[in-house]
């Protein structure tokens, strides 16, 4: 029978003695390191204060104690910087020491700056000093380690676990020079303590998360696979707000480590996307097949397979969304939907494009349509000319035509395309817009105007004066036109009275933009009468609106006073 080997008593005694000496040395140099740190801070014009009870992992609260601060006004100069420092000591030859994990957690999560100062001793004599800032990389290390503990079934308490603190020659600092310590600390904190705290807090909250940190695994109620794929595609692009589910698991990934943060099961519910992911902007260009009429609009792009990558290609649905219309492309077909609210503000540029696009869509039933998609990188995809079944209410189309005329009209007054207007207010000026736009956009030919016959001199050429004005946002577009030509009498049909008809050229006598606050109709009438007098001086018989003429008569009577 083999006997057990016995360790010599002398050897055990030597081992115990060595361990005791190492423990005593560690305690000694630890105390010595703390004793060395305070005078070092004094040289650096820093105030180092020990906590009343050292239970939170830091040894010193260090504050700026320099005299003669920056010459800035007292109410705006930056606050004095401060930080927490834990002092460590070790023997020569070592490049790492263990720090309790609960200390690491405080160092990483507390908003204020944290530093470790490490003194290296050789037989009770300090040989070097190192200072390590708990910056972005160390914070990430700590948070990742804490995250890993979440995956363990029965982790030990944080104060019973450690993580290594390491240093290199780049962290070495002259422990005899106070200026070196002050410069190092201040270089990491900077001149704006608030900015440091904001950066550290943001880094704590965002580090370790990729672009899509949340993954959801869910079970849908029983239905046909085809119907489920259709429903998911509609939900992904926003055609359906809520997706029915019977179970759900919400999983968060940080530093590549997954953690379940929510679980629902055993019932019926729905999920809704708070922020539907867009693939960016795309410009959609509409035109007739010959490209004689072209209009474009910018849209956000939504793809079903970006939300659910597992969807089969047959259910890859594309949706393009602008504030005023949406397009759904699915299985080589397109569907269009408008959301034109006449009481919602819209820019003149957008109203012009939208009215033109809807006219192109309406006419595509007979002439066809060409659509191009221009991505942000400049690449263009084309949708071949085809007849698109697009139904639109004739009244809506008529209102949009008025808006299109209006968009053309304002270009003659130099109004910016970015000006916001309410379509309903434009539509209210339907007849006036048509008149002004017709006169200003006329290219050739005579214009015929009829007015009531009231004793006009038929032997002379006539000028019929037509004043117009339209309110645009906070401005008034005012214009005065005159149709000049030979008069003719047109018999009225049935019981209707005869009319005076003048056919001839159109003159634009006045065109200007007047701020709404400065618009006075009476002043406008005065200018019209002055223009009428100029036309009469040419030997023309001039007709002006009755209210303009009567306004002038009332003003004359007022100036003359009572008889």
Foldseek 3Di string as FASTA:
>chain_A
DDDDDDDDPVVVVVVVVVVVVVVVVQVVVFVVQVVLVQVLQVLLQKHWDADPDPDQQFGTKIWRRDPDDDPDPPVPAADTAIETEHEHEEEPPDFKDKDQLSNLVCCQAPLHWYKYKYFYDHPSHTDWIFMGTCDLVSSLVSVVVVLVQVPDPDDDDRRVDIDMDGDDPVRTFPSVHSNRVNVVVCVQCDRHVVVSSVVSNVSNVDAQADPDFKDKDFAAPDDDPVVLLQQLFCQLQPVDFKGKTAWMWIWGGGNNRIDTDDIDHDGIDIDGDPDRDWPDKKKKWKAFPVRPAIAIDIWTKTWSCVNPVPRPPQSTKIKTDDPFKIWIAHPLAIDIDTDDDLQDKDFLNVLLRVLSRVVRLVCCQPRWMKMWIADPVGDIDINDTDRHPDDDDVVVNLLSVLSNLVSQLCVVAVDDRRQIFRSVLSVVCSVLSCVSSCQVVDDDDKDKDKDADDPFDQVFKAWEKDWGWGDGDQKIWTWIKIRIAHWDWAQDPDPDHIIIMGIHHMDTPDTHIGGNVPDDVLVVLVVSVVVQVVVVVVVHHYHYDPVSVVSVVVVVDVVVDDD
